mmCIF file of all heavy atoms, coordinates in Angstrom:
data_MODEL
# 
_entry.id   MODEL 
# 
loop_
_atom_site.group_PDB 
_atom_site.id 
_atom_site.type_symbol 
_atom_site.label_atom_id 
_atom_site.label_alt_id 
_atom_site.label_comp_id 
_atom_site.label_asym_id 
_atom_site.label_entity_id 
_atom_site.label_seq_id 
_atom_site.pdbx_PDB_ins_code 
_atom_site.Cartn_x 
_atom_site.Cartn_y 
_atom_site.Cartn_z 
_atom_site.occupancy 
_atom_site.B_iso_or_equiv 
_atom_site.pdbx_formal_charge 
_atom_site.auth_seq_id 
_atom_site.auth_comp_id 
_atom_site.auth_asym_id 
_atom_site.auth_atom_id 
_atom_site.pdbx_PDB_model_num 
ATOM 1   N N   . ASN A 1 1  ? 11.683 17.039 -23.726 1.00 0.00 ? 1  ASN A N   1 
ATOM 2   C CA  . ASN A 1 1  ? 10.593 16.185 -24.175 1.00 0.00 ? 1  ASN A CA  1 
ATOM 3   C C   . ASN A 1 1  ? 9.436  16.926 -24.825 1.00 0.00 ? 1  ASN A C   1 
ATOM 4   O O   . ASN A 1 1  ? 8.473  16.296 -25.261 1.00 0.00 ? 1  ASN A O   1 
ATOM 5   C CB  . ASN A 1 1  ? 10.030 15.377 -22.981 1.00 0.00 ? 1  ASN A CB  1 
ATOM 6   C CG  . ASN A 1 1  ? 10.969 14.241 -22.558 1.00 0.00 ? 1  ASN A CG  1 
ATOM 7   O OD1 . ASN A 1 1  ? 11.668 13.709 -23.329 1.00 0.00 ? 1  ASN A OD1 1 
ATOM 8   N ND2 . ASN A 1 1  ? 10.903 13.952 -21.273 1.00 0.00 ? 1  ASN A ND2 1 
ATOM 9   N N   . TRP A 1 2  ? 9.502  18.232 -24.914 1.00 0.00 ? 2  TRP A N   1 
ATOM 10  C CA  . TRP A 1 2  ? 8.356  19.015 -25.353 1.00 0.00 ? 2  TRP A CA  1 
ATOM 11  C C   . TRP A 1 2  ? 7.949  18.670 -26.803 1.00 0.00 ? 2  TRP A C   1 
ATOM 12  O O   . TRP A 1 2  ? 6.757  18.583 -27.095 1.00 0.00 ? 2  TRP A O   1 
ATOM 13  C CB  . TRP A 1 2  ? 8.634  20.495 -25.292 1.00 0.00 ? 2  TRP A CB  1 
ATOM 14  C CG  . TRP A 1 2  ? 8.625  21.032 -23.890 1.00 0.00 ? 2  TRP A CG  1 
ATOM 15  C CD1 . TRP A 1 2  ? 8.208  20.403 -22.756 1.00 0.00 ? 2  TRP A CD1 1 
ATOM 16  C CD2 . TRP A 1 2  ? 9.037  22.347 -23.487 1.00 0.00 ? 2  TRP A CD2 1 
ATOM 17  N NE1 . TRP A 1 2  ? 8.365  21.166 -21.660 1.00 0.00 ? 2  TRP A NE1 1 
ATOM 18  C CE2 . TRP A 1 2  ? 8.850  22.411 -22.078 1.00 0.00 ? 2  TRP A CE2 1 
ATOM 19  C CE3 . TRP A 1 2  ? 9.482  23.450 -24.138 1.00 0.00 ? 2  TRP A CE3 1 
ATOM 20  C CZ2 . TRP A 1 2  ? 9.120  23.546 -21.354 1.00 0.00 ? 2  TRP A CZ2 1 
ATOM 21  C CZ3 . TRP A 1 2  ? 9.768  24.577 -23.383 1.00 0.00 ? 2  TRP A CZ3 1 
ATOM 22  C CH2 . TRP A 1 2  ? 9.561  24.624 -22.057 1.00 0.00 ? 2  TRP A CH2 1 
ATOM 23  N N   . ASN A 1 3  ? 8.906  18.506 -27.672 1.00 0.00 ? 3  ASN A N   1 
ATOM 24  C CA  . ASN A 1 3  ? 8.579  18.266 -29.078 1.00 0.00 ? 3  ASN A CA  1 
ATOM 25  C C   . ASN A 1 3  ? 8.791  16.830 -29.518 1.00 0.00 ? 3  ASN A C   1 
ATOM 26  O O   . ASN A 1 3  ? 8.742  16.520 -30.699 1.00 0.00 ? 3  ASN A O   1 
ATOM 27  C CB  . ASN A 1 3  ? 9.444  19.198 -29.973 1.00 0.00 ? 3  ASN A CB  1 
ATOM 28  C CG  . ASN A 1 3  ? 9.107  20.651 -29.717 1.00 0.00 ? 3  ASN A CG  1 
ATOM 29  O OD1 . ASN A 1 3  ? 7.955  21.008 -29.514 1.00 0.00 ? 3  ASN A OD1 1 
ATOM 30  N ND2 . ASN A 1 3  ? 10.123 21.524 -29.740 1.00 0.00 ? 3  ASN A ND2 1 
ATOM 31  N N   . SER A 1 4  ? 9.032  15.955 -28.567 1.00 0.00 ? 4  SER A N   1 
ATOM 32  C CA  . SER A 1 4  ? 9.257  14.534 -28.884 1.00 0.00 ? 4  SER A CA  1 
ATOM 33  C C   . SER A 1 4  ? 7.960  13.816 -29.125 1.00 0.00 ? 4  SER A C   1 
ATOM 34  O O   . SER A 1 4  ? 7.005  13.963 -28.352 1.00 0.00 ? 4  SER A O   1 
ATOM 35  C CB  . SER A 1 4  ? 10.054 13.897 -27.771 1.00 0.00 ? 4  SER A CB  1 
ATOM 36  O OG  . SER A 1 4  ? 10.275 12.527 -28.061 1.00 0.00 ? 4  SER A OG  1 
ATOM 37  N N   . ARG A 1 5  ? 7.923  13.021 -30.170 1.00 0.00 ? 5  ARG A N   1 
ATOM 38  C CA  . ARG A 1 5  ? 6.732  12.232 -30.474 1.00 0.00 ? 5  ARG A CA  1 
ATOM 39  C C   . ARG A 1 5  ? 6.969  10.766 -30.172 1.00 0.00 ? 5  ARG A C   1 
ATOM 40  O O   . ARG A 1 5  ? 6.179  9.921  -30.549 1.00 0.00 ? 5  ARG A O   1 
ATOM 41  C CB  . ARG A 1 5  ? 6.310  12.416 -31.912 1.00 0.00 ? 5  ARG A CB  1 
ATOM 42  C CG  . ARG A 1 5  ? 5.835  13.825 -32.251 1.00 0.00 ? 5  ARG A CG  1 
ATOM 43  C CD  . ARG A 1 5  ? 5.240  13.828 -33.650 1.00 0.00 ? 5  ARG A CD  1 
ATOM 44  N NE  . ARG A 1 5  ? 4.383  14.960 -33.921 1.00 0.00 ? 5  ARG A NE  1 
ATOM 45  C CZ  . ARG A 1 5  ? 3.121  15.046 -33.527 1.00 0.00 ? 5  ARG A CZ  1 
ATOM 46  N NH1 . ARG A 1 5  ? 2.578  14.141 -32.749 1.00 0.00 ? 5  ARG A NH1 1 
ATOM 47  N NH2 . ARG A 1 5  ? 2.375  16.120 -33.849 1.00 0.00 ? 5  ARG A NH2 1 
ATOM 48  N N   . SER A 1 6  ? 8.085  10.422 -29.599 1.00 0.00 ? 6  SER A N   1 
ATOM 49  C CA  . SER A 1 6  ? 8.415  9.042  -29.362 1.00 0.00 ? 6  SER A CA  1 
ATOM 50  C C   . SER A 1 6  ? 7.522  8.432  -28.269 1.00 0.00 ? 6  SER A C   1 
ATOM 51  O O   . SER A 1 6  ? 7.003  9.117  -27.384 1.00 0.00 ? 6  SER A O   1 
ATOM 52  C CB  . SER A 1 6  ? 9.889  8.871  -28.994 1.00 0.00 ? 6  SER A CB  1 
ATOM 53  O OG  . SER A 1 6  ? 10.200 9.683  -27.908 1.00 0.00 ? 6  SER A OG  1 
ATOM 54  N N   . LEU A 1 7  ? 7.359  7.104  -28.345 1.00 0.00 ? 7  LEU A N   1 
ATOM 55  C CA  . LEU A 1 7  ? 6.499  6.393  -27.420 1.00 0.00 ? 7  LEU A CA  1 
ATOM 56  C C   . LEU A 1 7  ? 7.339  5.386  -26.623 1.00 0.00 ? 7  LEU A C   1 
ATOM 57  O O   . LEU A 1 7  ? 8.272  4.800  -27.149 1.00 0.00 ? 7  LEU A O   1 
ATOM 58  C CB  . LEU A 1 7  ? 5.398  5.650  -28.179 1.00 0.00 ? 7  LEU A CB  1 
ATOM 59  C CG  . LEU A 1 7  ? 4.433  6.499  -28.964 1.00 0.00 ? 7  LEU A CG  1 
ATOM 60  C CD1 . LEU A 1 7  ? 3.477  5.607  -29.787 1.00 0.00 ? 7  LEU A CD1 1 
ATOM 61  C CD2 . LEU A 1 7  ? 3.618  7.413  -28.071 1.00 0.00 ? 7  LEU A CD2 1 
ATOM 62  N N   . VAL A 1 8  ? 6.969  5.204  -25.390 1.00 0.00 ? 8  VAL A N   1 
ATOM 63  C CA  . VAL A 1 8  ? 7.598  4.178  -24.551 1.00 0.00 ? 8  VAL A CA  1 
ATOM 64  C C   . VAL A 1 8  ? 6.743  2.920  -24.634 1.00 0.00 ? 8  VAL A C   1 
ATOM 65  O O   . VAL A 1 8  ? 5.525  2.987  -24.443 1.00 0.00 ? 8  VAL A O   1 
ATOM 66  C CB  . VAL A 1 8  ? 7.744  4.671  -23.113 1.00 0.00 ? 8  VAL A CB  1 
ATOM 67  C CG1 . VAL A 1 8  ? 8.269  3.587  -22.204 1.00 0.00 ? 8  VAL A CG1 1 
ATOM 68  C CG2 . VAL A 1 8  ? 8.595  5.904  -23.014 1.00 0.00 ? 8  VAL A CG2 1 
ATOM 69  N N   . ALA A 1 9  ? 7.332  1.794  -24.962 1.00 0.00 ? 9  ALA A N   1 
ATOM 70  C CA  . ALA A 1 9  ? 6.649  0.535  -25.122 1.00 0.00 ? 9  ALA A CA  1 
ATOM 71  C C   . ALA A 1 9  ? 5.552  0.626  -26.230 1.00 0.00 ? 9  ALA A C   1 
ATOM 72  O O   . ALA A 1 9  ? 4.600  -0.142 -26.184 1.00 0.00 ? 9  ALA A O   1 
ATOM 73  C CB  . ALA A 1 9  ? 6.056  0.063  -23.806 1.00 0.00 ? 9  ALA A CB  1 
ATOM 74  N N   . GLY A 1 10 ? 5.671  1.564  -27.113 1.00 0.00 ? 10 GLY A N   1 
ATOM 75  C CA  . GLY A 1 10 ? 4.798  1.670  -28.212 1.00 0.00 ? 10 GLY A CA  1 
ATOM 76  C C   . GLY A 1 10 ? 3.436  2.309  -27.956 1.00 0.00 ? 10 GLY A C   1 
ATOM 77  O O   . GLY A 1 10 ? 2.630  2.509  -28.864 1.00 0.00 ? 10 GLY A O   1 
ATOM 78  N N   . VAL A 1 11 ? 3.173  2.686  -26.674 1.00 0.00 ? 11 VAL A N   1 
ATOM 79  C CA  . VAL A 1 11 ? 1.835  3.229  -26.360 1.00 0.00 ? 11 VAL A CA  1 
ATOM 80  C C   . VAL A 1 11 ? 1.903  4.477  -25.505 1.00 0.00 ? 11 VAL A C   1 
ATOM 81  O O   . VAL A 1 11 ? 0.988  5.294  -25.556 1.00 0.00 ? 11 VAL A O   1 
ATOM 82  C CB  . VAL A 1 11 ? 0.959  2.170  -25.665 1.00 0.00 ? 11 VAL A CB  1 
ATOM 83  C CG1 . VAL A 1 11 ? 0.599  1.069  -26.597 1.00 0.00 ? 11 VAL A CG1 1 
ATOM 84  C CG2 . VAL A 1 11 ? 1.603  1.665  -24.421 1.00 0.00 ? 11 VAL A CG2 1 
ATOM 85  N N   . LEU A 1 12 ? 2.903  4.669  -24.699 1.00 0.00 ? 12 LEU A N   1 
ATOM 86  C CA  . LEU A 1 12 ? 2.957  5.740  -23.697 1.00 0.00 ? 12 LEU A CA  1 
ATOM 87  C C   . LEU A 1 12 ? 3.840  6.861  -24.207 1.00 0.00 ? 12 LEU A C   1 
ATOM 88  O O   . LEU A 1 12 ? 5.034  6.666  -24.489 1.00 0.00 ? 12 LEU A O   1 
ATOM 89  C CB  . LEU A 1 12 ? 3.495  5.193  -22.418 1.00 0.00 ? 12 LEU A CB  1 
ATOM 90  C CG  . LEU A 1 12 ? 3.369  6.046  -21.146 1.00 0.00 ? 12 LEU A CG  1 
ATOM 91  C CD1 . LEU A 1 12 ? 1.886  6.302  -20.820 1.00 0.00 ? 12 LEU A CD1 1 
ATOM 92  C CD2 . LEU A 1 12 ? 4.024  5.366  -19.948 1.00 0.00 ? 12 LEU A CD2 1 
ATOM 93  N N   . PRO A 1 13 ? 3.330  8.058  -24.342 1.00 0.00 ? 13 PRO A N   1 
ATOM 94  C CA  . PRO A 1 13 ? 4.153  9.198  -24.778 1.00 0.00 ? 13 PRO A CA  1 
ATOM 95  C C   . PRO A 1 13 ? 5.295  9.407  -23.817 1.00 0.00 ? 13 PRO A C   1 
ATOM 96  O O   . PRO A 1 13 ? 5.155  9.240  -22.593 1.00 0.00 ? 13 PRO A O   1 
ATOM 97  C CB  . PRO A 1 13 ? 3.179  10.393 -24.746 1.00 0.00 ? 13 PRO A CB  1 
ATOM 98  C CG  . PRO A 1 13 ? 1.818  9.801  -24.787 1.00 0.00 ? 13 PRO A CG  1 
ATOM 99  C CD  . PRO A 1 13 ? 1.905  8.470  -24.126 1.00 0.00 ? 13 PRO A CD  1 
ATOM 100 N N   . ILE A 1 14 ? 6.448  9.784  -24.335 1.00 0.00 ? 14 ILE A N   1 
ATOM 101 C CA  . ILE A 1 14 ? 7.651  9.944  -23.567 1.00 0.00 ? 14 ILE A CA  1 
ATOM 102 C C   . ILE A 1 14 ? 7.490  10.944 -22.406 1.00 0.00 ? 14 ILE A C   1 
ATOM 103 O O   . ILE A 1 14 ? 7.976  10.752 -21.310 1.00 0.00 ? 14 ILE A O   1 
ATOM 104 C CB  . ILE A 1 14 ? 8.875  10.231 -24.430 1.00 0.00 ? 14 ILE A CB  1 
ATOM 105 C CG1 . ILE A 1 14 ? 10.195 10.176 -23.651 1.00 0.00 ? 14 ILE A CG1 1 
ATOM 106 C CG2 . ILE A 1 14 ? 8.740  11.623 -25.064 1.00 0.00 ? 14 ILE A CG2 1 
ATOM 107 C CD1 . ILE A 1 14 ? 10.639 8.790  -23.343 1.00 0.00 ? 14 ILE A CD1 1 
ATOM 108 N N   . GLY A 1 15 ? 6.742  12.040 -22.653 1.00 0.00 ? 15 GLY A N   1 
ATOM 109 C CA  . GLY A 1 15 ? 6.527  13.031 -21.626 1.00 0.00 ? 15 GLY A CA  1 
ATOM 110 C C   . GLY A 1 15 ? 5.775  12.486 -20.476 1.00 0.00 ? 15 GLY A C   1 
ATOM 111 O O   . GLY A 1 15 ? 6.023  12.755 -19.311 1.00 0.00 ? 15 GLY A O   1 
ATOM 112 N N   . LEU A 1 16 ? 4.763  11.648 -20.729 1.00 0.00 ? 16 LEU A N   1 
ATOM 113 C CA  . LEU A 1 16 ? 3.966  11.078 -19.689 1.00 0.00 ? 16 LEU A CA  1 
ATOM 114 C C   . LEU A 1 16 ? 4.778  10.019 -18.905 1.00 0.00 ? 16 LEU A C   1 
ATOM 115 O O   . LEU A 1 16 ? 4.736  9.970  -17.652 1.00 0.00 ? 16 LEU A O   1 
ATOM 116 C CB  . LEU A 1 16 ? 2.726  10.401 -20.269 1.00 0.00 ? 16 LEU A CB  1 
ATOM 117 C CG  . LEU A 1 16 ? 1.730  9.809  -19.252 1.00 0.00 ? 16 LEU A CG  1 
ATOM 118 C CD1 . LEU A 1 16 ? 1.229  10.884 -18.300 1.00 0.00 ? 16 LEU A CD1 1 
ATOM 119 C CD2 . LEU A 1 16 ? 0.556  9.191  -20.009 1.00 0.00 ? 16 LEU A CD2 1 
ATOM 120 N N   . ALA A 1 17 ? 5.566  9.243  -19.613 1.00 0.00 ? 17 ALA A N   1 
ATOM 121 C CA  . ALA A 1 17 ? 6.418  8.271  -18.956 1.00 0.00 ? 17 ALA A CA  1 
ATOM 122 C C   . ALA A 1 17 ? 7.477  8.993  -18.073 1.00 0.00 ? 17 ALA A C   1 
ATOM 123 O O   . ALA A 1 17 ? 7.722  8.566  -16.929 1.00 0.00 ? 17 ALA A O   1 
ATOM 124 C CB  . ALA A 1 17 ? 7.122  7.405  -19.982 1.00 0.00 ? 17 ALA A CB  1 
ATOM 125 N N   . TYR A 1 18 ? 8.010  10.087 -18.592 1.00 0.00 ? 18 TYR A N   1 
ATOM 126 C CA  . TYR A 1 18 ? 8.992  10.844 -17.828 1.00 0.00 ? 18 TYR A CA  1 
ATOM 127 C C   . TYR A 1 18 ? 8.379  11.389 -16.527 1.00 0.00 ? 18 TYR A C   1 
ATOM 128 O O   . TYR A 1 18 ? 8.957  11.300 -15.458 1.00 0.00 ? 18 TYR A O   1 
ATOM 129 C CB  . TYR A 1 18 ? 9.547  11.995 -18.670 1.00 0.00 ? 18 TYR A CB  1 
ATOM 130 C CG  . TYR A 1 18 ? 10.557 12.851 -17.912 1.00 0.00 ? 18 TYR A CG  1 
ATOM 131 C CD1 . TYR A 1 18 ? 11.866 12.465 -17.875 1.00 0.00 ? 18 TYR A CD1 1 
ATOM 132 C CD2 . TYR A 1 18 ? 10.152 14.008 -17.250 1.00 0.00 ? 18 TYR A CD2 1 
ATOM 133 C CE1 . TYR A 1 18 ? 12.802 13.216 -17.168 1.00 0.00 ? 18 TYR A CE1 1 
ATOM 134 C CE2 . TYR A 1 18 ? 11.084 14.767 -16.549 1.00 0.00 ? 18 TYR A CE2 1 
ATOM 135 C CZ  . TYR A 1 18 ? 12.380 14.349 -16.520 1.00 0.00 ? 18 TYR A CZ  1 
ATOM 136 O OH  . TYR A 1 18 ? 13.312 15.120 -15.817 1.00 0.00 ? 18 TYR A OH  1 
ATOM 137 N N   . HIS A 1 19 ? 7.161  11.889 -16.637 1.00 0.00 ? 19 HIS A N   1 
ATOM 138 C CA  . HIS A 1 19 ? 6.547  12.442 -15.438 1.00 0.00 ? 19 HIS A CA  1 
ATOM 139 C C   . HIS A 1 19 ? 6.101  11.379 -14.430 1.00 0.00 ? 19 HIS A C   1 
ATOM 140 O O   . HIS A 1 19 ? 6.042  11.656 -13.271 1.00 0.00 ? 19 HIS A O   1 
ATOM 141 C CB  . HIS A 1 19 ? 5.382  13.383 -15.804 1.00 0.00 ? 19 HIS A CB  1 
ATOM 142 C CG  . HIS A 1 19 ? 5.868  14.747 -16.160 1.00 0.00 ? 19 HIS A CG  1 
ATOM 143 N ND1 . HIS A 1 19 ? 6.227  15.665 -15.205 1.00 0.00 ? 19 HIS A ND1 1 
ATOM 144 C CD2 . HIS A 1 19 ? 6.106  15.319 -17.372 1.00 0.00 ? 19 HIS A CD2 1 
ATOM 145 C CE1 . HIS A 1 19 ? 6.644  16.766 -15.829 1.00 0.00 ? 19 HIS A CE1 1 
ATOM 146 N NE2 . HIS A 1 19 ? 6.573  16.568 -17.134 1.00 0.00 ? 19 HIS A NE2 1 
ATOM 147 N N   . ALA A 1 20 ? 5.815  10.197 -14.926 1.00 0.00 ? 20 ALA A N   1 
ATOM 148 C CA  . ALA A 1 20 ? 5.527  9.090  -14.014 1.00 0.00 ? 20 ALA A CA  1 
ATOM 149 C C   . ALA A 1 20 ? 6.781  8.771  -13.200 1.00 0.00 ? 20 ALA A C   1 
ATOM 150 O O   . ALA A 1 20 ? 6.730  8.565  -11.977 1.00 0.00 ? 20 ALA A O   1 
ATOM 151 C CB  . ALA A 1 20 ? 5.023  7.886  -14.777 1.00 0.00 ? 20 ALA A CB  1 
ATOM 152 N N   . LEU A 1 21 ? 7.905  8.694  -13.875 1.00 0.00 ? 21 LEU A N   1 
ATOM 153 C CA  . LEU A 1 21 ? 9.171  8.426  -13.172 1.00 0.00 ? 21 LEU A CA  1 
ATOM 154 C C   . LEU A 1 21 ? 9.539  9.612  -12.288 1.00 0.00 ? 21 LEU A C   1 
ATOM 155 O O   . LEU A 1 21 ? 10.054 9.411  -11.185 1.00 0.00 ? 21 LEU A O   1 
ATOM 156 C CB  . LEU A 1 21 ? 10.292 8.161  -14.210 1.00 0.00 ? 21 LEU A CB  1 
ATOM 157 C CG  . LEU A 1 21 ? 10.167 6.843  -14.951 1.00 0.00 ? 21 LEU A CG  1 
ATOM 158 C CD1 . LEU A 1 21 ? 11.243 6.701  -16.011 1.00 0.00 ? 21 LEU A CD1 1 
ATOM 159 C CD2 . LEU A 1 21 ? 10.308 5.679  -13.940 1.00 0.00 ? 21 LEU A CD2 1 
ATOM 160 N N   . TYR A 1 22 ? 9.226  10.824 -12.767 1.00 0.00 ? 22 TYR A N   1 
ATOM 161 C CA  . TYR A 1 22 ? 9.509  12.005 -11.961 1.00 0.00 ? 22 TYR A CA  1 
ATOM 162 C C   . TYR A 1 22 ? 8.706  11.978 -10.662 1.00 0.00 ? 22 TYR A C   1 
ATOM 163 O O   . TYR A 1 22 ? 9.178  12.358 -9.570  1.00 0.00 ? 22 TYR A O   1 
ATOM 164 C CB  . TYR A 1 22 ? 9.205  13.274 -12.740 1.00 0.00 ? 22 TYR A CB  1 
ATOM 165 C CG  . TYR A 1 22 ? 9.361  14.500 -11.913 1.00 0.00 ? 22 TYR A CG  1 
ATOM 166 C CD1 . TYR A 1 22 ? 10.597 15.054 -11.626 1.00 0.00 ? 22 TYR A CD1 1 
ATOM 167 C CD2 . TYR A 1 22 ? 8.262  15.092 -11.274 1.00 0.00 ? 22 TYR A CD2 1 
ATOM 168 C CE1 . TYR A 1 22 ? 10.734 16.136 -10.820 1.00 0.00 ? 22 TYR A CE1 1 
ATOM 169 C CE2 . TYR A 1 22 ? 8.398  16.199 -10.468 1.00 0.00 ? 22 TYR A CE2 1 
ATOM 170 C CZ  . TYR A 1 22 ? 9.638  16.744 -10.231 1.00 0.00 ? 22 TYR A CZ  1 
ATOM 171 O OH  . TYR A 1 22 ? 9.782  17.785 -9.414  1.00 0.00 ? 22 TYR A OH  1 
ATOM 172 N N   . ALA A 1 23 ? 7.415  11.551 -10.720 1.00 0.00 ? 23 ALA A N   1 
ATOM 173 C CA  . ALA A 1 23 ? 6.596  11.493 -9.524  1.00 0.00 ? 23 ALA A CA  1 
ATOM 174 C C   . ALA A 1 23 ? 7.215  10.480 -8.534  1.00 0.00 ? 23 ALA A C   1 
ATOM 175 O O   . ALA A 1 23 ? 7.179  10.737 -7.303  1.00 0.00 ? 23 ALA A O   1 
ATOM 176 C CB  . ALA A 1 23 ? 5.188  11.079 -9.903  1.00 0.00 ? 23 ALA A CB  1 
ATOM 177 N N   . CYS A 1 24 ? 7.729  9.391  -9.019  1.00 0.00 ? 24 CYS A N   1 
ATOM 178 C CA  . CYS A 1 24 ? 8.405  8.407  -8.133  1.00 0.00 ? 24 CYS A CA  1 
ATOM 179 C C   . CYS A 1 24 ? 9.635  9.047  -7.487  1.00 0.00 ? 24 CYS A C   1 
ATOM 180 O O   . CYS A 1 24 ? 9.892  8.853  -6.306  1.00 0.00 ? 24 CYS A O   1 
ATOM 181 C CB  . CYS A 1 24 ? 8.771  7.165  -8.889  1.00 0.00 ? 24 CYS A CB  1 
ATOM 182 S SG  . CYS A 1 24 ? 7.351  6.210  -9.465  1.00 0.00 ? 24 CYS A SG  1 
ATOM 183 N N   . LEU A 1 25 ? 10.404 9.807  -8.259  1.00 0.00 ? 25 LEU A N   1 
ATOM 184 C CA  . LEU A 1 25 ? 11.583 10.472 -7.731  1.00 0.00 ? 25 LEU A CA  1 
ATOM 185 C C   . LEU A 1 25 ? 11.189 11.520 -6.678  1.00 0.00 ? 25 LEU A C   1 
ATOM 186 O O   . LEU A 1 25 ? 11.822 11.599 -5.621  1.00 0.00 ? 25 LEU A O   1 
ATOM 187 C CB  . LEU A 1 25 ? 12.370 11.159 -8.913  1.00 0.00 ? 25 LEU A CB  1 
ATOM 188 C CG  . LEU A 1 25 ? 13.512 12.070 -8.459  1.00 0.00 ? 25 LEU A CG  1 
ATOM 189 C CD1 . LEU A 1 25 ? 14.610 11.235 -7.839  1.00 0.00 ? 25 LEU A CD1 1 
ATOM 190 C CD2 . LEU A 1 25 ? 14.028 12.857 -9.661  1.00 0.00 ? 25 LEU A CD2 1 
ATOM 191 N N   . ALA A 1 26 ? 10.151 12.281 -6.952  1.00 0.00 ? 26 ALA A N   1 
ATOM 192 C CA  . ALA A 1 26 ? 9.696  13.296 -5.978  1.00 0.00 ? 26 ALA A CA  1 
ATOM 193 C C   . ALA A 1 26 ? 9.221  12.625 -4.698  1.00 0.00 ? 26 ALA A C   1 
ATOM 194 O O   . ALA A 1 26 ? 9.492  13.104 -3.596  1.00 0.00 ? 26 ALA A O   1 
ATOM 195 C CB  . ALA A 1 26 ? 8.596  14.140 -6.604  1.00 0.00 ? 26 ALA A CB  1 
ATOM 196 N N   . SER A 1 27 ? 8.544  11.499 -4.826  1.00 0.00 ? 27 SER A N   1 
ATOM 197 C CA  . SER A 1 27 ? 8.096  10.749 -3.663  1.00 0.00 ? 27 SER A CA  1 
ATOM 198 C C   . SER A 1 27 ? 9.293  10.238 -2.848  1.00 0.00 ? 27 SER A C   1 
ATOM 199 O O   . SER A 1 27 ? 9.290  10.315 -1.587  1.00 0.00 ? 27 SER A O   1 
ATOM 200 C CB  . SER A 1 27 ? 7.226  9.604  -4.089  1.00 0.00 ? 27 SER A CB  1 
ATOM 201 O OG  . SER A 1 27 ? 6.847  8.810  -3.029  1.00 0.00 ? 27 SER A OG  1 
ATOM 202 N N   . ALA A 1 28 ? 10.290 9.728  -3.508  1.00 0.00 ? 28 ALA A N   1 
ATOM 203 C CA  . ALA A 1 28 ? 11.521 9.269  -2.844  1.00 0.00 ? 28 ALA A CA  1 
ATOM 204 C C   . ALA A 1 28 ? 12.216 10.430 -2.126  1.00 0.00 ? 28 ALA A C   1 
ATOM 205 O O   . ALA A 1 28 ? 12.710 10.290 -1.008  1.00 0.00 ? 28 ALA A O   1 
ATOM 206 C CB  . ALA A 1 28 ? 12.442 8.576  -3.797  1.00 0.00 ? 28 ALA A CB  1 
# 
């Protein structure tokens, strides 16, 4: 995801969305 400029839902950078999901995974 380092060089990706894609957005999730048109507003959230993919790296930030990935780390939000990663935080949920780490919590689980």
